[in-house]
N, C-alpha and C. Protein backbone atom coordinates (compact mmCIF):
# COMPACT_ATOMS: atom_id res chain seq x y z
N MET A 1 -3.72 1.14 7.29
CA MET A 1 -2.81 2.09 6.71
C MET A 1 -3.15 3.52 7.16
N THR A 2 -4.43 3.81 7.32
CA THR A 2 -4.82 5.14 7.79
C THR A 2 -4.32 5.37 9.20
N VAL A 3 -4.43 4.36 10.05
CA VAL A 3 -3.94 4.49 11.42
C VAL A 3 -2.43 4.69 11.41
N MET A 4 -1.73 3.95 10.57
CA MET A 4 -0.28 4.10 10.49
C MET A 4 0.10 5.51 10.07
N ARG A 5 -0.65 6.08 9.14
CA ARG A 5 -0.35 7.44 8.69
C ARG A 5 -0.45 8.43 9.84
N HIS A 6 -1.40 8.22 10.74
CA HIS A 6 -1.59 9.13 11.86
C HIS A 6 -0.64 8.83 13.01
N MET A 7 -0.36 7.56 13.26
CA MET A 7 0.48 7.18 14.40
C MET A 7 1.97 7.30 14.09
N ARG A 8 2.36 6.95 12.88
CA ARG A 8 3.77 6.99 12.46
C ARG A 8 3.86 7.66 11.09
N PRO A 9 3.64 8.98 11.05
CA PRO A 9 3.57 9.65 9.75
C PRO A 9 4.85 9.54 8.93
N TRP A 10 6.02 9.60 9.56
CA TRP A 10 7.27 9.50 8.80
C TRP A 10 7.46 8.10 8.25
N GLY A 11 7.07 7.10 9.00
CA GLY A 11 7.14 5.73 8.51
C GLY A 11 6.19 5.51 7.35
N HIS A 12 5.02 6.13 7.42
CA HIS A 12 4.05 6.00 6.34
C HIS A 12 4.56 6.66 5.07
N ILE A 13 5.14 7.82 5.20
CA ILE A 13 5.71 8.50 4.04
C ILE A 13 6.90 7.70 3.49
N GLY A 14 7.66 7.09 4.39
CA GLY A 14 8.79 6.27 3.98
C GLY A 14 8.40 5.07 3.14
N LEU A 15 7.15 4.63 3.25
CA LEU A 15 6.69 3.53 2.42
C LEU A 15 6.78 3.85 0.93
N ALA A 16 6.81 5.13 0.60
CA ALA A 16 6.94 5.52 -0.81
C ALA A 16 8.22 4.97 -1.41
N PHE A 17 9.25 4.82 -0.60
CA PHE A 17 10.53 4.34 -1.11
C PHE A 17 10.57 2.82 -1.26
N THR A 18 9.56 2.13 -0.75
CA THR A 18 9.52 0.68 -0.87
C THR A 18 8.61 0.22 -2.01
N GLN A 19 7.96 1.15 -2.68
CA GLN A 19 7.04 0.83 -3.76
C GLN A 19 7.81 0.73 -5.08
N GLY A 20 8.09 -0.48 -5.54
CA GLY A 20 8.88 -0.66 -6.75
C GLY A 20 8.14 -0.35 -8.03
N LEU A 21 6.87 -0.73 -8.12
CA LEU A 21 6.11 -0.54 -9.35
C LEU A 21 5.94 0.92 -9.73
N PRO A 22 5.51 1.81 -8.83
CA PRO A 22 5.36 3.21 -9.23
C PRO A 22 6.67 3.86 -9.66
N TRP A 23 7.76 3.52 -8.97
CA TRP A 23 9.05 4.10 -9.35
C TRP A 23 9.48 3.60 -10.73
N THR A 24 9.26 2.33 -10.98
CA THR A 24 9.59 1.76 -12.28
C THR A 24 8.78 2.43 -13.38
N LEU A 25 7.47 2.58 -13.15
CA LEU A 25 6.62 3.22 -14.15
C LEU A 25 6.98 4.69 -14.35
N ALA A 26 7.39 5.36 -13.28
CA ALA A 26 7.81 6.76 -13.40
C ALA A 26 9.03 6.89 -14.30
N VAL A 27 9.99 6.00 -14.14
CA VAL A 27 11.19 6.02 -14.99
C VAL A 27 10.82 5.71 -16.43
N VAL A 28 9.98 4.71 -16.63
CA VAL A 28 9.58 4.31 -17.98
C VAL A 28 8.86 5.47 -18.68
N LEU A 29 8.03 6.19 -17.95
CA LEU A 29 7.28 7.30 -18.56
C LEU A 29 8.13 8.54 -18.79
N THR A 30 9.15 8.76 -17.97
CA THR A 30 9.95 9.97 -18.12
C THR A 30 11.17 9.78 -19.01
N HIS A 31 11.58 8.54 -19.25
CA HIS A 31 12.72 8.25 -20.14
C HIS A 31 12.20 7.39 -21.29
N PRO A 32 11.86 8.00 -22.39
CA PRO A 32 11.20 7.26 -23.47
C PRO A 32 12.09 6.26 -24.21
N SER A 33 13.31 6.05 -23.76
CA SER A 33 14.19 5.09 -24.41
C SER A 33 13.69 3.66 -24.16
N THR A 34 13.59 2.87 -25.21
CA THR A 34 13.12 1.50 -25.09
C THR A 34 14.07 0.66 -24.25
N GLY A 35 15.36 0.86 -24.41
CA GLY A 35 16.34 0.10 -23.64
C GLY A 35 16.22 0.34 -22.14
N ILE A 36 16.05 1.60 -21.76
CA ILE A 36 15.91 1.94 -20.34
C ILE A 36 14.61 1.35 -19.80
N ALA A 37 13.55 1.45 -20.57
CA ALA A 37 12.26 0.91 -20.13
C ALA A 37 12.35 -0.59 -19.90
N ILE A 38 12.95 -1.30 -20.83
CA ILE A 38 13.08 -2.75 -20.70
C ILE A 38 13.97 -3.11 -19.51
N ALA A 39 15.04 -2.35 -19.32
CA ALA A 39 15.95 -2.62 -18.20
C ALA A 39 15.25 -2.44 -16.86
N TYR A 40 14.52 -1.34 -16.70
CA TYR A 40 13.83 -1.10 -15.43
C TYR A 40 12.70 -2.08 -15.19
N LEU A 41 11.90 -2.35 -16.22
CA LEU A 41 10.81 -3.31 -16.06
C LEU A 41 11.35 -4.71 -15.77
N GLY A 42 12.43 -5.09 -16.44
CA GLY A 42 13.05 -6.38 -16.19
C GLY A 42 13.62 -6.49 -14.80
N ALA A 43 14.32 -5.45 -14.35
CA ALA A 43 14.88 -5.45 -13.00
C ALA A 43 13.78 -5.52 -11.95
N TYR A 44 12.70 -4.76 -12.17
CA TYR A 44 11.57 -4.81 -11.23
C TYR A 44 11.01 -6.22 -11.16
N ALA A 45 10.77 -6.84 -12.33
CA ALA A 45 10.18 -8.18 -12.37
C ALA A 45 11.09 -9.21 -11.71
N VAL A 46 12.38 -9.18 -12.02
CA VAL A 46 13.31 -10.16 -11.46
C VAL A 46 13.42 -9.99 -9.94
N LEU A 47 13.58 -8.77 -9.48
CA LEU A 47 13.72 -8.54 -8.04
C LEU A 47 12.44 -8.88 -7.28
N ARG A 48 11.30 -8.55 -7.85
CA ARG A 48 10.03 -8.83 -7.16
C ARG A 48 9.75 -10.32 -7.10
N VAL A 49 10.01 -11.03 -8.20
CA VAL A 49 9.81 -12.48 -8.20
C VAL A 49 10.78 -13.13 -7.22
N ALA A 50 12.03 -12.69 -7.21
CA ALA A 50 13.02 -13.25 -6.29
C ALA A 50 12.60 -13.03 -4.84
N MET A 51 12.14 -11.82 -4.52
CA MET A 51 11.73 -11.52 -3.15
C MET A 51 10.51 -12.35 -2.76
N THR A 52 9.55 -12.47 -3.66
CA THR A 52 8.35 -13.25 -3.38
C THR A 52 8.70 -14.72 -3.19
N TRP A 53 9.58 -15.23 -4.03
CA TRP A 53 9.98 -16.63 -3.90
C TRP A 53 10.73 -16.87 -2.60
N LEU A 54 11.67 -15.98 -2.27
CA LEU A 54 12.44 -16.16 -1.03
C LEU A 54 11.54 -16.17 0.20
N VAL A 55 10.63 -15.23 0.27
CA VAL A 55 9.77 -15.14 1.45
C VAL A 55 8.73 -16.27 1.43
N GLY A 56 8.07 -16.46 0.30
CA GLY A 56 6.98 -17.43 0.23
C GLY A 56 7.42 -18.87 0.23
N ASP A 57 8.32 -19.21 -0.67
CA ASP A 57 8.71 -20.61 -0.81
C ASP A 57 9.76 -21.02 0.22
N TRP A 58 10.82 -20.27 0.29
CA TRP A 58 11.92 -20.63 1.17
C TRP A 58 11.59 -20.31 2.63
N GLY A 59 11.02 -19.12 2.88
CA GLY A 59 10.76 -18.70 4.26
C GLY A 59 9.50 -19.28 4.86
N LEU A 60 8.38 -19.20 4.13
CA LEU A 60 7.09 -19.66 4.67
C LEU A 60 6.71 -21.06 4.22
N ARG A 61 7.49 -21.64 3.33
CA ARG A 61 7.25 -23.00 2.83
C ARG A 61 5.88 -23.15 2.16
N GLN A 62 5.45 -22.14 1.42
CA GLN A 62 4.18 -22.22 0.70
C GLN A 62 4.36 -23.05 -0.56
N THR A 63 3.31 -23.77 -0.91
CA THR A 63 3.35 -24.56 -2.15
C THR A 63 2.50 -23.86 -3.20
N GLY A 64 2.78 -24.15 -4.46
CA GLY A 64 2.00 -23.58 -5.55
C GLY A 64 2.21 -22.10 -5.75
N LEU A 65 3.34 -21.60 -5.28
CA LEU A 65 3.60 -20.17 -5.34
C LEU A 65 3.81 -19.67 -6.77
N TRP A 66 4.40 -20.50 -7.63
CA TRP A 66 4.70 -20.06 -8.99
C TRP A 66 3.44 -19.74 -9.78
N LYS A 67 2.32 -20.38 -9.45
CA LYS A 67 1.06 -20.09 -10.16
C LYS A 67 0.55 -18.69 -9.84
N LYS A 68 0.95 -18.17 -8.68
CA LYS A 68 0.45 -16.86 -8.25
C LYS A 68 1.39 -15.72 -8.62
N MET A 69 2.54 -16.01 -9.18
CA MET A 69 3.52 -14.97 -9.51
C MET A 69 2.97 -13.87 -10.43
N PRO A 70 2.09 -14.17 -11.40
CA PRO A 70 1.56 -13.07 -12.22
C PRO A 70 0.74 -12.05 -11.43
N LEU A 71 0.32 -12.43 -10.24
CA LEU A 71 -0.48 -11.50 -9.41
C LEU A 71 0.38 -10.47 -8.69
N ILE A 72 1.69 -10.58 -8.78
CA ILE A 72 2.57 -9.64 -8.09
C ILE A 72 2.29 -8.21 -8.54
N VAL A 73 2.16 -8.00 -9.83
CA VAL A 73 1.91 -6.65 -10.35
C VAL A 73 0.57 -6.13 -9.87
N VAL A 74 -0.44 -6.99 -9.85
CA VAL A 74 -1.77 -6.58 -9.36
C VAL A 74 -1.68 -6.19 -7.89
N TRP A 75 -0.98 -6.99 -7.08
CA TRP A 75 -0.83 -6.68 -5.66
C TRP A 75 -0.08 -5.37 -5.46
N ASP A 76 1.01 -5.17 -6.18
CA ASP A 76 1.79 -3.94 -6.03
C ASP A 76 0.98 -2.71 -6.42
N ALA A 77 0.21 -2.82 -7.49
CA ALA A 77 -0.63 -1.69 -7.92
C ALA A 77 -1.72 -1.41 -6.88
N THR A 78 -2.33 -2.46 -6.36
CA THR A 78 -3.37 -2.30 -5.33
C THR A 78 -2.79 -1.70 -4.05
N ALA A 79 -1.65 -2.17 -3.63
CA ALA A 79 -1.01 -1.64 -2.42
C ALA A 79 -0.68 -0.16 -2.58
N PHE A 80 -0.23 0.24 -3.77
CA PHE A 80 0.09 1.65 -4.00
C PHE A 80 -1.17 2.51 -3.96
N VAL A 81 -2.24 2.03 -4.57
CA VAL A 81 -3.51 2.79 -4.55
C VAL A 81 -4.03 2.92 -3.12
N ILE A 82 -3.97 1.84 -2.36
CA ILE A 82 -4.41 1.90 -0.96
C ILE A 82 -3.56 2.91 -0.19
N TRP A 83 -2.26 2.90 -0.41
CA TRP A 83 -1.37 3.84 0.26
C TRP A 83 -1.75 5.28 -0.09
N LEU A 84 -2.02 5.54 -1.36
CA LEU A 84 -2.43 6.89 -1.77
C LEU A 84 -3.76 7.30 -1.13
N LEU A 85 -4.71 6.37 -1.06
CA LEU A 85 -6.03 6.70 -0.52
C LEU A 85 -5.99 7.06 0.97
N THR A 86 -4.99 6.57 1.70
CA THR A 86 -4.94 6.87 3.13
C THR A 86 -4.69 8.35 3.40
N PHE A 87 -4.16 9.07 2.43
CA PHE A 87 -3.91 10.49 2.65
C PHE A 87 -5.20 11.31 2.67
N GLY A 88 -6.31 10.72 2.24
CA GLY A 88 -7.57 11.44 2.24
C GLY A 88 -8.53 11.01 3.32
N ARG A 89 -8.06 10.20 4.27
CA ARG A 89 -8.95 9.67 5.30
C ARG A 89 -8.48 10.05 6.69
N ASN A 90 -9.44 10.36 7.54
CA ASN A 90 -9.17 10.62 8.96
C ASN A 90 -10.03 9.74 9.85
N SER A 91 -10.64 8.73 9.26
CA SER A 91 -11.50 7.85 10.04
C SER A 91 -11.30 6.41 9.56
N ILE A 92 -11.67 5.47 10.44
CA ILE A 92 -11.61 4.06 10.10
C ILE A 92 -12.85 3.37 10.64
N ARG A 93 -13.10 2.17 10.16
CA ARG A 93 -14.16 1.32 10.70
C ARG A 93 -13.48 0.06 11.22
N TRP A 94 -13.68 -0.21 12.50
CA TRP A 94 -13.09 -1.39 13.11
C TRP A 94 -14.17 -2.11 13.90
N ARG A 95 -14.36 -3.38 13.60
CA ARG A 95 -15.39 -4.19 14.24
C ARG A 95 -16.76 -3.53 14.18
N ASN A 96 -17.06 -3.02 13.00
CA ASN A 96 -18.35 -2.40 12.68
C ASN A 96 -18.64 -1.13 13.48
N VAL A 97 -17.60 -0.48 13.98
CA VAL A 97 -17.74 0.80 14.68
C VAL A 97 -16.85 1.80 13.98
N ASP A 98 -17.40 3.00 13.71
CA ASP A 98 -16.63 4.06 13.07
C ASP A 98 -15.86 4.86 14.11
N TYR A 99 -14.61 5.15 13.79
CA TYR A 99 -13.74 5.95 14.66
C TYR A 99 -13.12 7.06 13.83
N ARG A 100 -12.86 8.19 14.46
CA ARG A 100 -12.06 9.24 13.83
C ARG A 100 -10.73 9.30 14.59
N ILE A 101 -9.72 9.74 13.89
CA ILE A 101 -8.38 9.78 14.49
C ILE A 101 -8.02 11.24 14.71
N GLU A 102 -7.78 11.57 15.97
CA GLU A 102 -7.39 12.94 16.33
C GLU A 102 -6.23 12.88 17.31
N GLY A 103 -5.16 13.53 16.96
CA GLY A 103 -3.99 13.58 17.84
C GLY A 103 -3.43 12.22 18.18
N GLY A 104 -3.52 11.28 17.26
CA GLY A 104 -2.99 9.95 17.50
C GLY A 104 -3.89 9.07 18.36
N THR A 105 -5.14 9.49 18.56
CA THR A 105 -6.07 8.74 19.40
C THR A 105 -7.30 8.37 18.58
N LEU A 106 -7.79 7.15 18.77
CA LEU A 106 -9.04 6.74 18.13
C LEU A 106 -10.20 7.19 19.00
N LEU A 107 -11.08 7.97 18.43
CA LEU A 107 -12.26 8.45 19.13
C LEU A 107 -13.50 7.95 18.40
N PRO A 108 -14.49 7.46 19.13
CA PRO A 108 -15.71 7.01 18.45
C PRO A 108 -16.31 8.16 17.65
N ALA A 109 -16.64 7.86 16.41
CA ALA A 109 -17.26 8.87 15.56
C ALA A 109 -18.72 8.98 15.95
N VAL A 110 -19.16 10.19 16.22
CA VAL A 110 -20.54 10.42 16.61
C VAL A 110 -21.32 10.77 15.34
N PRO A 111 -22.39 10.05 15.04
CA PRO A 111 -23.18 10.40 13.85
C PRO A 111 -23.66 11.83 13.92
N SER A 112 -23.77 12.47 12.76
CA SER A 112 -24.18 13.88 12.73
C SER A 112 -25.56 14.07 13.33
N SER A 113 -26.45 13.09 13.22
CA SER A 113 -27.79 13.21 13.81
C SER A 113 -27.71 13.25 15.33
N ALA A 114 -26.76 12.53 15.93
CA ALA A 114 -26.63 12.51 17.39
C ALA A 114 -26.02 13.81 17.89
N ARG A 115 -25.15 14.45 17.08
CA ARG A 115 -24.53 15.72 17.50
C ARG A 115 -25.53 16.85 17.52
N ASN A 116 -26.47 16.83 16.60
CA ASN A 116 -27.41 17.94 16.47
C ASN A 116 -28.71 17.75 17.25
N SER A 117 -28.92 16.60 17.84
CA SER A 117 -30.17 16.37 18.55
C SER A 117 -30.11 16.99 19.94
N PRO A 118 -31.22 17.56 20.39
CA PRO A 118 -31.25 18.13 21.75
C PRO A 118 -31.21 17.03 22.80
N GLN A 119 -30.58 17.31 23.91
CA GLN A 119 -30.41 16.32 24.98
C GLN A 119 -31.44 16.51 26.04
């Protein structure tokens, strides 16, 4: 996700519009009406379960998918937190090597001890 933020920043920001749980919670918190809250939470749950079922059961032919449906909310919350955390990172670790991202390029991160040592 950090690489995506640097390589395709507009696409990364656009992911905000695909996050159903935060938008649903924002509406629930800003409109204290019980009816609106139930409607939004219900719509989120129905649409998310339908999408998961269509992709998992019908598209990928996975079995036992209904047992995992309660994890949808956990996954959506985790995905949103990961998305938020990418805005504070400019480096990644890939295959046990640290890289920093500058100008859309992965550059090996040089440890601070190696930068300050005399050559």
